[in-house]
N, C-alpha and C. Protein backbone atom coordinates (compact mmCIF):
# COMPACT_ATOMS: atom_id res chain seq x y z
N MET A 1 1.10 -4.13 17.07
CA MET A 1 1.44 -3.33 15.92
C MET A 1 0.25 -2.46 15.56
N LEU A 2 0.41 -1.15 15.71
CA LEU A 2 -0.65 -0.20 15.40
C LEU A 2 -0.37 0.43 14.04
N VAL A 3 -1.25 0.17 13.08
CA VAL A 3 -1.06 0.64 11.71
C VAL A 3 -1.93 1.86 11.45
N LEU A 4 -1.31 2.93 10.98
CA LEU A 4 -2.04 4.11 10.51
C LEU A 4 -1.86 4.21 9.00
N SER A 5 -2.97 4.30 8.27
CA SER A 5 -2.93 4.48 6.82
C SER A 5 -3.85 5.62 6.44
N SER A 6 -3.55 6.25 5.31
CA SER A 6 -4.42 7.31 4.79
C SER A 6 -3.93 7.69 3.41
N PRO A 7 -4.77 8.38 2.64
CA PRO A 7 -4.24 8.96 1.41
C PRO A 7 -3.25 10.07 1.78
N SER A 8 -2.30 10.33 0.91
CA SER A 8 -1.31 11.37 1.15
C SER A 8 -2.01 12.71 1.38
N GLY A 9 -1.64 13.39 2.49
CA GLY A 9 -2.22 14.70 2.78
C GLY A 9 -3.37 14.68 3.77
N ALA A 10 -3.78 13.49 4.23
CA ALA A 10 -4.92 13.42 5.15
C ALA A 10 -4.54 13.65 6.62
N GLY A 11 -3.24 13.79 6.88
CA GLY A 11 -2.80 14.11 8.24
C GLY A 11 -2.20 12.96 9.01
N LYS A 12 -1.93 11.85 8.33
CA LYS A 12 -1.41 10.66 9.00
C LYS A 12 -0.07 10.91 9.69
N THR A 13 0.85 11.58 8.99
CA THR A 13 2.19 11.80 9.56
C THR A 13 2.12 12.71 10.78
N THR A 14 1.31 13.76 10.71
CA THR A 14 1.13 14.67 11.85
C THR A 14 0.57 13.90 13.04
N LEU A 15 -0.45 13.07 12.81
CA LEU A 15 -1.06 12.30 13.89
C LEU A 15 -0.09 11.28 14.47
N ALA A 16 0.70 10.66 13.60
CA ALA A 16 1.69 9.69 14.07
C ALA A 16 2.71 10.35 15.00
N ARG A 17 3.18 11.53 14.60
CA ARG A 17 4.16 12.25 15.43
C ARG A 17 3.56 12.68 16.76
N ARG A 18 2.32 13.15 16.72
CA ARG A 18 1.65 13.57 17.96
C ARG A 18 1.41 12.38 18.88
N LEU A 19 1.07 11.24 18.31
CA LEU A 19 0.85 10.04 19.11
C LEU A 19 2.13 9.63 19.81
N LEU A 20 3.24 9.66 19.10
CA LEU A 20 4.54 9.29 19.68
C LEU A 20 4.92 10.25 20.81
N ASP A 21 4.58 11.55 20.66
CA ASP A 21 4.86 12.53 21.71
C ASP A 21 4.04 12.28 22.96
N ASN A 22 2.82 11.73 22.79
CA ASN A 22 1.89 11.56 23.90
C ASN A 22 1.85 10.16 24.50
N GLU A 23 2.45 9.20 23.81
CA GLU A 23 2.41 7.81 24.28
C GLU A 23 3.83 7.24 24.36
N PRO A 24 4.48 7.36 25.52
CA PRO A 24 5.87 6.89 25.64
C PRO A 24 6.06 5.39 25.43
N GLY A 25 4.97 4.62 25.55
CA GLY A 25 5.07 3.17 25.34
C GLY A 25 5.03 2.74 23.89
N VAL A 26 4.92 3.73 22.99
CA VAL A 26 4.83 3.42 21.55
C VAL A 26 6.15 3.76 20.86
N LYS A 27 6.64 2.82 20.10
CA LYS A 27 7.88 3.02 19.32
C LYS A 27 7.50 3.09 17.84
N SER A 28 8.13 4.01 17.13
CA SER A 28 7.84 4.16 15.71
C SER A 28 8.68 3.19 14.88
N SER A 29 8.03 2.59 13.90
CA SER A 29 8.76 1.77 12.94
C SER A 29 9.23 2.70 11.83
N VAL A 30 10.54 2.81 11.65
CA VAL A 30 11.10 3.70 10.63
C VAL A 30 11.30 2.90 9.35
N SER A 31 10.53 3.26 8.33
CA SER A 31 10.57 2.52 7.07
C SER A 31 11.83 2.83 6.26
N TYR A 32 12.16 1.88 5.41
CA TYR A 32 13.20 2.10 4.39
C TYR A 32 12.50 2.57 3.13
N THR A 33 13.11 3.49 2.41
CA THR A 33 12.52 3.96 1.16
C THR A 33 13.59 4.33 0.13
N THR A 34 13.20 4.23 -1.12
CA THR A 34 14.09 4.63 -2.21
C THR A 34 13.76 6.05 -2.69
N ARG A 35 12.74 6.67 -2.12
CA ARG A 35 12.39 8.01 -2.58
C ARG A 35 13.38 9.04 -2.07
N LYS A 36 13.41 10.19 -2.75
CA LYS A 36 14.33 11.27 -2.37
C LYS A 36 13.88 11.89 -1.04
N ARG A 37 14.86 12.34 -0.28
CA ARG A 37 14.58 12.96 1.00
C ARG A 37 13.95 14.34 0.78
N ARG A 38 12.86 14.63 1.52
CA ARG A 38 12.24 15.95 1.44
C ARG A 38 12.91 16.90 2.42
N LYS A 39 12.70 18.18 2.19
CA LYS A 39 13.26 19.20 3.06
C LYS A 39 12.77 18.98 4.50
N GLY A 40 13.70 19.00 5.44
CA GLY A 40 13.35 18.83 6.84
C GLY A 40 13.38 17.39 7.32
N GLU A 41 13.47 16.42 6.41
CA GLU A 41 13.53 15.01 6.81
C GLU A 41 14.96 14.60 7.13
N SER A 42 15.09 13.67 8.07
CA SER A 42 16.43 13.19 8.41
C SER A 42 16.50 11.68 8.31
N HIS A 43 17.66 11.20 7.87
CA HIS A 43 17.89 9.77 7.70
C HIS A 43 17.89 9.09 9.07
N GLY A 44 17.13 8.00 9.19
CA GLY A 44 17.08 7.25 10.44
C GLY A 44 15.98 7.68 11.38
N LYS A 45 15.46 8.90 11.16
CA LYS A 45 14.36 9.39 12.00
C LYS A 45 13.04 9.32 11.23
N ASP A 46 13.01 9.95 10.07
CA ASP A 46 11.79 9.92 9.25
C ASP A 46 11.74 8.65 8.40
N TYR A 47 12.84 8.34 7.76
CA TYR A 47 13.00 7.13 6.93
C TYR A 47 14.47 6.75 6.93
N HIS A 48 14.71 5.50 6.53
CA HIS A 48 16.06 5.10 6.15
C HIS A 48 16.09 5.25 4.63
N PHE A 49 16.81 6.24 4.15
CA PHE A 49 16.86 6.51 2.71
C PHE A 49 17.97 5.66 2.08
N VAL A 50 17.58 4.77 1.17
CA VAL A 50 18.54 3.87 0.53
C VAL A 50 18.33 3.87 -0.98
N ASP A 51 19.34 3.39 -1.72
CA ASP A 51 19.17 3.31 -3.17
C ASP A 51 18.42 2.03 -3.54
N HIS A 52 18.03 1.95 -4.79
CA HIS A 52 17.21 0.84 -5.28
C HIS A 52 17.89 -0.51 -5.08
N ASP A 53 19.20 -0.57 -5.36
CA ASP A 53 19.94 -1.84 -5.24
C ASP A 53 19.97 -2.33 -3.79
N THR A 54 20.21 -1.41 -2.86
CA THR A 54 20.23 -1.77 -1.44
C THR A 54 18.88 -2.31 -1.00
N PHE A 55 17.81 -1.63 -1.43
CA PHE A 55 16.46 -2.04 -1.05
C PHE A 55 16.14 -3.43 -1.58
N THR A 56 16.40 -3.66 -2.87
CA THR A 56 16.04 -4.95 -3.46
C THR A 56 16.87 -6.09 -2.85
N LYS A 57 18.10 -5.79 -2.48
CA LYS A 57 18.93 -6.81 -1.82
C LYS A 57 18.34 -7.20 -0.47
N MET A 58 17.93 -6.18 0.31
CA MET A 58 17.30 -6.44 1.61
C MET A 58 16.01 -7.23 1.43
N ARG A 59 15.22 -6.84 0.44
CA ARG A 59 13.95 -7.53 0.16
C ARG A 59 14.20 -8.99 -0.20
N ASP A 60 15.16 -9.23 -1.08
CA ASP A 60 15.44 -10.59 -1.54
C ASP A 60 16.01 -11.48 -0.43
N GLN A 61 16.62 -10.86 0.58
CA GLN A 61 17.17 -11.62 1.70
C GLN A 61 16.13 -11.81 2.82
N GLY A 62 14.89 -11.37 2.58
CA GLY A 62 13.82 -11.56 3.56
C GLY A 62 13.90 -10.67 4.78
N GLU A 63 14.57 -9.51 4.65
CA GLU A 63 14.76 -8.62 5.80
C GLU A 63 13.55 -7.74 6.09
N PHE A 64 12.58 -7.71 5.18
CA PHE A 64 11.41 -6.86 5.38
C PHE A 64 10.20 -7.65 5.88
N LEU A 65 9.52 -7.06 6.84
CA LEU A 65 8.26 -7.61 7.35
C LEU A 65 7.17 -7.37 6.32
N GLU A 66 7.25 -6.22 5.66
CA GLU A 66 6.34 -5.87 4.56
C GLU A 66 7.07 -4.88 3.67
N TRP A 67 6.66 -4.84 2.40
CA TRP A 67 7.19 -3.83 1.48
C TRP A 67 6.18 -3.58 0.37
N ALA A 68 6.28 -2.41 -0.23
CA ALA A 68 5.34 -2.04 -1.29
C ALA A 68 5.96 -0.99 -2.19
N VAL A 69 5.36 -0.82 -3.37
CA VAL A 69 5.77 0.23 -4.30
C VAL A 69 4.65 1.27 -4.32
N VAL A 70 5.01 2.53 -4.02
CA VAL A 70 4.04 3.63 -3.99
C VAL A 70 4.62 4.79 -4.80
N PHE A 71 3.88 5.24 -5.83
CA PHE A 71 4.34 6.32 -6.71
C PHE A 71 5.76 6.06 -7.21
N ASP A 72 6.01 4.84 -7.66
CA ASP A 72 7.29 4.42 -8.25
C ASP A 72 8.44 4.37 -7.25
N ASN A 73 8.17 4.54 -5.97
CA ASN A 73 9.20 4.42 -4.94
C ASN A 73 8.92 3.20 -4.08
N TYR A 74 9.98 2.57 -3.59
CA TYR A 74 9.86 1.39 -2.74
C TYR A 74 9.87 1.80 -1.27
N TYR A 75 9.00 1.15 -0.48
CA TYR A 75 8.93 1.37 0.96
C TYR A 75 8.90 0.00 1.63
N GLY A 76 9.60 -0.14 2.76
CA GLY A 76 9.60 -1.42 3.46
C GLY A 76 9.89 -1.27 4.94
N THR A 77 9.42 -2.23 5.73
CA THR A 77 9.63 -2.26 7.18
C THR A 77 10.59 -3.38 7.52
N ALA A 78 11.71 -3.03 8.13
CA ALA A 78 12.69 -4.04 8.54
C ALA A 78 12.11 -4.92 9.64
N ARG A 79 12.28 -6.21 9.49
CA ARG A 79 11.69 -7.20 10.41
C ARG A 79 12.31 -7.17 11.81
N LYS A 80 13.64 -7.14 11.88
CA LYS A 80 14.34 -7.35 13.15
C LYS A 80 14.00 -6.32 14.24
N PRO A 81 14.06 -5.00 13.98
CA PRO A 81 13.75 -4.05 15.06
C PRO A 81 12.31 -4.14 15.57
N VAL A 82 11.39 -4.49 14.69
CA VAL A 82 9.98 -4.64 15.10
C VAL A 82 9.84 -5.83 16.04
N GLU A 83 10.42 -6.96 15.66
CA GLU A 83 10.34 -8.15 16.50
C GLU A 83 10.99 -7.92 17.86
N GLN A 84 12.10 -7.17 17.87
CA GLN A 84 12.79 -6.87 19.14
C GLN A 84 11.92 -5.99 20.04
N ALA A 85 11.27 -4.98 19.45
CA ALA A 85 10.42 -4.08 20.23
C ALA A 85 9.22 -4.82 20.81
N LEU A 86 8.58 -5.67 20.00
CA LEU A 86 7.42 -6.44 20.47
C LEU A 86 7.82 -7.39 21.59
N ALA A 87 9.00 -7.98 21.47
CA ALA A 87 9.48 -8.92 22.50
C ALA A 87 9.70 -8.20 23.83
N ARG A 88 10.00 -6.89 23.76
CA ARG A 88 10.19 -6.10 24.98
C ARG A 88 8.88 -5.52 25.50
N GLY A 89 7.77 -5.89 24.85
CA GLY A 89 6.46 -5.42 25.29
C GLY A 89 6.10 -4.02 24.84
N ARG A 90 6.79 -3.51 23.83
CA ARG A 90 6.49 -2.18 23.30
C ARG A 90 5.46 -2.29 22.19
N ASP A 91 4.61 -1.27 22.06
CA ASP A 91 3.71 -1.16 20.91
C ASP A 91 4.50 -0.51 19.79
N VAL A 92 4.29 -0.96 18.57
CA VAL A 92 5.03 -0.41 17.43
C VAL A 92 4.04 0.25 16.47
N LEU A 93 4.34 1.51 16.12
CA LEU A 93 3.49 2.29 15.23
C LEU A 93 4.00 2.20 13.79
N PHE A 94 3.07 1.90 12.87
CA PHE A 94 3.41 1.80 11.45
C PHE A 94 2.66 2.86 10.65
N ASP A 95 3.40 3.59 9.84
CA ASP A 95 2.82 4.58 8.93
C ASP A 95 2.98 3.98 7.53
N VAL A 96 1.99 3.18 7.12
CA VAL A 96 2.08 2.44 5.85
C VAL A 96 0.79 2.58 5.05
N ASP A 97 0.84 2.24 3.76
CA ASP A 97 -0.37 2.29 2.94
C ASP A 97 -1.14 0.98 3.06
N TRP A 98 -2.21 0.85 2.28
CA TRP A 98 -3.08 -0.34 2.38
C TRP A 98 -2.33 -1.63 2.05
N GLN A 99 -1.35 -1.54 1.13
CA GLN A 99 -0.58 -2.73 0.79
C GLN A 99 0.25 -3.20 1.99
N GLY A 100 0.89 -2.24 2.66
CA GLY A 100 1.67 -2.57 3.85
C GLY A 100 0.80 -3.12 4.97
N ALA A 101 -0.38 -2.52 5.14
CA ALA A 101 -1.31 -2.99 6.17
C ALA A 101 -1.73 -4.43 5.90
N LYS A 102 -2.02 -4.73 4.65
CA LYS A 102 -2.42 -6.10 4.28
C LYS A 102 -1.28 -7.08 4.54
N SER A 103 -0.06 -6.70 4.19
CA SER A 103 1.10 -7.57 4.41
C SER A 103 1.30 -7.86 5.89
N LEU A 104 1.13 -6.84 6.73
CA LEU A 104 1.29 -7.02 8.18
C LEU A 104 0.20 -7.92 8.74
N ARG A 105 -1.05 -7.74 8.25
CA ARG A 105 -2.13 -8.63 8.68
C ARG A 105 -1.86 -10.07 8.27
N ASP A 106 -1.36 -10.26 7.05
CA ASP A 106 -1.04 -11.61 6.57
C ASP A 106 0.07 -12.24 7.40
N GLU A 107 1.00 -11.40 7.86
CA GLU A 107 2.17 -11.87 8.60
C GLU A 107 1.84 -12.19 10.06
N ALA A 108 1.01 -11.33 10.69
CA ALA A 108 0.76 -11.49 12.14
C ALA A 108 -0.58 -10.88 12.52
N ALA A 109 -1.66 -11.45 12.01
CA ALA A 109 -3.00 -10.87 12.17
C ALA A 109 -3.38 -10.60 13.63
N ALA A 110 -3.03 -11.49 14.55
CA ALA A 110 -3.44 -11.34 15.95
C ALA A 110 -2.76 -10.15 16.63
N ASP A 111 -1.62 -9.71 16.09
CA ASP A 111 -0.85 -8.64 16.71
C ASP A 111 -1.05 -7.28 16.04
N VAL A 112 -1.92 -7.22 15.03
CA VAL A 112 -2.06 -5.99 14.23
C VAL A 112 -3.42 -5.33 14.47
N VAL A 113 -3.41 -4.02 14.69
CA VAL A 113 -4.62 -3.20 14.78
C VAL A 113 -4.48 -2.12 13.71
N THR A 114 -5.49 -1.99 12.83
CA THR A 114 -5.37 -1.06 11.71
C THR A 114 -6.37 0.10 11.83
N VAL A 115 -5.87 1.30 11.54
CA VAL A 115 -6.68 2.52 11.59
C VAL A 115 -6.51 3.26 10.26
N PHE A 116 -7.64 3.58 9.62
CA PHE A 116 -7.58 4.34 8.37
C PHE A 116 -8.05 5.77 8.64
N ILE A 117 -7.24 6.74 8.21
CA ILE A 117 -7.55 8.15 8.43
C ILE A 117 -8.08 8.76 7.13
N LEU A 118 -9.29 9.30 7.20
CA LEU A 118 -9.91 9.93 6.03
C LEU A 118 -9.86 11.45 6.16
N PRO A 119 -9.70 12.15 5.04
CA PRO A 119 -9.81 13.61 5.08
C PRO A 119 -11.28 14.00 5.21
N PRO A 120 -11.59 15.21 5.68
CA PRO A 120 -12.99 15.60 5.81
C PRO A 120 -13.68 15.80 4.45
N SER A 121 -12.89 16.08 3.40
CA SER A 121 -13.46 16.26 2.06
C SER A 121 -12.33 16.19 1.03
N GLY A 122 -12.72 16.01 -0.24
CA GLY A 122 -11.74 16.01 -1.32
C GLY A 122 -11.05 17.35 -1.46
N LYS A 123 -11.81 18.44 -1.27
CA LYS A 123 -11.24 19.79 -1.38
C LYS A 123 -10.21 20.04 -0.28
N ALA A 124 -10.52 19.56 0.92
CA ALA A 124 -9.60 19.72 2.05
C ALA A 124 -8.29 18.97 1.78
N LEU A 125 -8.42 17.78 1.19
CA LEU A 125 -7.23 16.99 0.87
C LEU A 125 -6.36 17.71 -0.15
N GLU A 126 -6.97 18.21 -1.21
CA GLU A 126 -6.21 18.92 -2.25
C GLU A 126 -5.55 20.18 -1.67
N HIS A 127 -6.28 20.87 -0.80
CA HIS A 127 -5.74 22.08 -0.16
C HIS A 127 -4.50 21.74 0.68
N ARG A 128 -4.58 20.66 1.45
CA ARG A 128 -3.44 20.26 2.29
C ARG A 128 -2.23 19.89 1.44
N LEU A 129 -2.47 19.17 0.36
CA LEU A 129 -1.36 18.76 -0.54
C LEU A 129 -0.71 19.98 -1.18
N THR A 130 -1.51 20.94 -1.58
CA THR A 130 -0.99 22.15 -2.22
C THR A 130 -0.29 23.05 -1.21
N GLU A 131 -0.88 23.13 0.01
CA GLU A 131 -0.38 24.03 1.04
C GLU A 131 1.01 23.65 1.54
N ARG A 132 1.30 22.36 1.57
CA ARG A 132 2.61 21.96 2.11
C ARG A 132 3.76 22.26 1.16
N ALA A 133 3.44 22.58 -0.10
CA ALA A 133 4.40 23.11 -1.09
C ALA A 133 5.67 22.27 -1.21
N GLN A 134 5.52 20.96 -1.08
CA GLN A 134 6.68 20.08 -1.22
C GLN A 134 6.71 19.42 -2.59
N ASP A 135 5.59 19.46 -3.30
CA ASP A 135 5.49 18.76 -4.58
C ASP A 135 5.01 19.71 -5.67
N SER A 136 5.34 19.36 -6.91
CA SER A 136 4.86 20.14 -8.05
C SER A 136 3.37 19.90 -8.25
N ALA A 137 2.73 20.76 -9.06
CA ALA A 137 1.30 20.63 -9.35
C ALA A 137 1.01 19.26 -9.96
N GLU A 138 1.93 18.78 -10.79
CA GLU A 138 1.77 17.47 -11.43
C GLU A 138 1.75 16.35 -10.40
N VAL A 139 2.64 16.44 -9.42
CA VAL A 139 2.71 15.43 -8.36
C VAL A 139 1.46 15.49 -7.48
N VAL A 140 0.97 16.70 -7.20
CA VAL A 140 -0.26 16.86 -6.41
C VAL A 140 -1.42 16.17 -7.11
N HIS A 141 -1.53 16.37 -8.43
CA HIS A 141 -2.61 15.72 -9.19
C HIS A 141 -2.47 14.20 -9.14
N ALA A 142 -1.23 13.70 -9.24
CA ALA A 142 -0.99 12.25 -9.16
C ALA A 142 -1.39 11.72 -7.79
N ARG A 143 -1.11 12.50 -6.73
CA ARG A 143 -1.47 12.08 -5.37
C ARG A 143 -2.98 12.09 -5.17
N MET A 144 -3.65 13.02 -5.80
CA MET A 144 -5.12 13.05 -5.72
C MET A 144 -5.71 11.80 -6.40
N ARG A 145 -5.14 11.42 -7.53
CA ARG A 145 -5.61 10.19 -8.19
C ARG A 145 -5.31 8.97 -7.32
N GLY A 146 -4.12 8.98 -6.71
CA GLY A 146 -3.74 7.87 -5.81
C GLY A 146 -4.63 7.80 -4.59
N ALA A 147 -5.12 8.97 -4.13
CA ALA A 147 -5.99 9.01 -2.95
C ALA A 147 -7.26 8.21 -3.19
N SER A 148 -7.79 8.30 -4.39
CA SER A 148 -9.01 7.56 -4.72
C SER A 148 -8.79 6.06 -4.57
N ASN A 149 -7.66 5.58 -5.06
CA ASN A 149 -7.33 4.15 -4.96
C ASN A 149 -7.13 3.74 -3.50
N GLU A 150 -6.44 4.58 -2.75
CA GLU A 150 -6.17 4.28 -1.33
C GLU A 150 -7.47 4.22 -0.53
N ILE A 151 -8.34 5.21 -0.74
CA ILE A 151 -9.59 5.30 0.03
C ILE A 151 -10.50 4.11 -0.24
N GLN A 152 -10.41 3.53 -1.41
CA GLN A 152 -11.26 2.37 -1.73
C GLN A 152 -11.00 1.17 -0.82
N HIS A 153 -9.89 1.19 -0.08
CA HIS A 153 -9.55 0.07 0.81
C HIS A 153 -9.96 0.33 2.26
N TRP A 154 -10.77 1.37 2.50
CA TRP A 154 -11.13 1.75 3.86
C TRP A 154 -11.80 0.62 4.63
N ALA A 155 -12.58 -0.19 3.95
CA ALA A 155 -13.36 -1.24 4.64
C ALA A 155 -12.49 -2.39 5.14
N ASP A 156 -11.22 -2.43 4.74
CA ASP A 156 -10.31 -3.48 5.20
C ASP A 156 -9.76 -3.18 6.60
N TYR A 157 -10.05 -1.99 7.13
CA TYR A 157 -9.44 -1.55 8.38
C TYR A 157 -10.36 -1.77 9.58
N ASP A 158 -9.74 -1.92 10.76
CA ASP A 158 -10.50 -2.15 12.00
C ASP A 158 -11.24 -0.88 12.44
N TYR A 159 -10.59 0.27 12.27
CA TYR A 159 -11.14 1.54 12.74
C TYR A 159 -10.99 2.61 11.65
N ILE A 160 -11.93 3.57 11.65
CA ILE A 160 -11.87 4.71 10.73
C ILE A 160 -11.90 5.99 11.56
N VAL A 161 -10.98 6.92 11.25
CA VAL A 161 -10.97 8.24 11.89
C VAL A 161 -11.06 9.29 10.78
N ILE A 162 -12.10 10.13 10.84
CA ILE A 162 -12.23 11.23 9.87
C ILE A 162 -11.55 12.44 10.49
N ASN A 163 -10.48 12.90 9.86
CA ASN A 163 -9.62 13.92 10.45
C ASN A 163 -10.13 15.35 10.21
N HIS A 164 -11.24 15.69 10.89
CA HIS A 164 -11.75 17.08 10.86
C HIS A 164 -10.83 17.98 11.68
N ASP A 165 -10.34 17.43 12.80
CA ASP A 165 -9.57 18.21 13.77
C ASP A 165 -8.47 17.32 14.34
N VAL A 166 -7.23 17.81 14.34
CA VAL A 166 -6.09 16.99 14.76
C VAL A 166 -6.23 16.52 16.20
N GLU A 167 -6.62 17.42 17.11
CA GLU A 167 -6.73 17.05 18.53
C GLU A 167 -7.79 15.97 18.74
N GLN A 168 -8.92 16.13 18.08
CA GLN A 168 -10.00 15.15 18.21
C GLN A 168 -9.58 13.81 17.62
N SER A 169 -8.91 13.84 16.47
CA SER A 169 -8.44 12.61 15.82
C SER A 169 -7.39 11.91 16.68
N LEU A 170 -6.49 12.70 17.27
CA LEU A 170 -5.47 12.13 18.15
C LEU A 170 -6.12 11.44 19.35
N ALA A 171 -7.13 12.09 19.93
CA ALA A 171 -7.85 11.50 21.07
C ALA A 171 -8.50 10.18 20.68
N SER A 172 -9.05 10.12 19.47
CA SER A 172 -9.67 8.88 18.99
C SER A 172 -8.64 7.76 18.85
N ILE A 173 -7.49 8.08 18.30
CA ILE A 173 -6.44 7.06 18.11
C ILE A 173 -5.91 6.59 19.46
N ARG A 174 -5.77 7.50 20.41
CA ARG A 174 -5.31 7.12 21.75
C ARG A 174 -6.34 6.22 22.44
N ALA A 175 -7.63 6.50 22.19
CA ALA A 175 -8.69 5.66 22.76
C ALA A 175 -8.65 4.25 22.17
N ILE A 176 -8.39 4.17 20.87
CA ILE A 176 -8.26 2.87 20.19
C ILE A 176 -7.09 2.09 20.80
N LEU A 177 -5.98 2.77 20.97
CA LEU A 177 -4.78 2.14 21.54
C LEU A 177 -5.06 1.63 22.95
N ALA A 178 -5.71 2.45 23.76
CA ALA A 178 -6.02 2.05 25.15
C ALA A 178 -6.93 0.84 25.17
N ALA A 179 -7.96 0.84 24.33
CA ALA A 179 -8.91 -0.29 24.29
C ALA A 179 -8.23 -1.57 23.82
N GLU A 180 -7.40 -1.46 22.79
CA GLU A 180 -6.73 -2.65 22.25
C GLU A 180 -5.71 -3.23 23.22
N ARG A 181 -5.10 -2.38 24.03
CA ARG A 181 -4.17 -2.87 25.05
C ARG A 181 -4.89 -3.68 26.12
N LEU A 182 -6.19 -3.41 26.30
CA LEU A 182 -6.98 -4.10 27.33
C LEU A 182 -7.66 -5.37 26.83
N ARG A 183 -7.45 -5.71 25.59
CA ARG A 183 -8.02 -6.96 25.08
C ARG A 183 -7.49 -8.14 25.90
N ARG A 184 -8.39 -9.05 26.23
CA ARG A 184 -8.02 -10.21 27.05
C ARG A 184 -6.79 -10.94 26.50
N THR A 185 -6.75 -11.11 25.19
CA THR A 185 -5.66 -11.88 24.56
C THR A 185 -4.32 -11.16 24.63
N ARG A 186 -4.33 -9.84 24.92
CA ARG A 186 -3.06 -9.09 24.96
C ARG A 186 -2.55 -8.86 26.38
N LEU A 187 -3.33 -9.21 27.37
CA LEU A 187 -2.91 -8.98 28.76
C LEU A 187 -2.05 -10.14 29.23
N THR A 188 -0.74 -9.94 29.21
CA THR A 188 0.18 -11.01 29.61
C THR A 188 0.06 -11.26 31.11
N GLY A 189 0.09 -12.52 31.48
CA GLY A 189 0.01 -12.91 32.89
C GLY A 189 -1.40 -12.90 33.46
N LEU A 190 -2.41 -12.63 32.61
CA LEU A 190 -3.79 -12.53 33.10
C LEU A 190 -4.30 -13.87 33.63
N LYS A 191 -3.98 -14.95 32.91
CA LYS A 191 -4.46 -16.27 33.32
C LYS A 191 -3.96 -16.62 34.72
N ASP A 192 -2.67 -16.38 34.97
CA ASP A 192 -2.09 -16.66 36.30
C ASP A 192 -2.72 -15.78 37.36
N PHE A 193 -2.98 -14.50 37.01
CA PHE A 193 -3.60 -13.57 37.96
C PHE A 193 -4.99 -14.06 38.36
N VAL A 194 -5.79 -14.48 37.38
CA VAL A 194 -7.15 -14.94 37.65
C VAL A 194 -7.13 -16.22 38.48
N GLN A 195 -6.21 -17.13 38.17
CA GLN A 195 -6.11 -18.37 38.93
C GLN A 195 -5.74 -18.07 40.39
N GLY A 196 -4.83 -17.12 40.58
CA GLY A 196 -4.45 -16.73 41.93
C GLY A 196 -5.61 -16.08 42.67
N LEU A 197 -6.35 -15.28 41.95
CA LEU A 197 -7.52 -14.62 42.53
C LEU A 197 -8.57 -15.64 42.98
N LEU A 198 -8.82 -16.63 42.10
CA LEU A 198 -9.80 -17.66 42.43
C LEU A 198 -9.36 -18.51 43.62
N ALA A 199 -8.04 -18.70 43.72
CA ALA A 199 -7.51 -19.49 44.84
C ALA A 199 -7.75 -18.81 46.18
N GLU A 200 -7.88 -17.49 46.16
CA GLU A 200 -8.09 -16.71 47.39
C GLU A 200 -9.56 -16.70 47.81
N LEU A 201 -10.45 -17.12 46.90
CA LEU A 201 -11.89 -17.01 47.22
C LEU A 201 -12.41 -18.26 47.93
């Protein structure tokens, strides 16, 4: 489970999409949310858009691997599709905040790798939030305040990527993914391979 977190506007969604385009072995975890759909978003691809009652029912029935409240909206990751993907040997990408990252670590620490994406500066973050023109000035200010809270959790993450440049940041995340796939504990069948190798010597 590869977790990407960042304050809103730091480029996490762009990097997640680019990673999926470049790494066919990675499957995206599509979160459920109660927030309104933004222009250009589609149900089932960007998010599963559901009402509050549907979300709380799923939560109460234990269907979420993790869930959190962000800016008065609920977000959650359905347990079943993630477990199915992992069982098939696929890496699963999560676009979640620090609360979601913590929940995933609590649930399955050995299977989780966390990456926090930082903006190059506060001004750059505000510019990106304003430039995308999806939110009112009031919402942008609220997201800037939320960014401060989110960034304070940077030290809880395994890796930090400062997003000066999308291509460079993408290369860093791909390098993290490649290194983590080579961890001894993640290489299935390695013990049998080594025993067979030793038998030949």
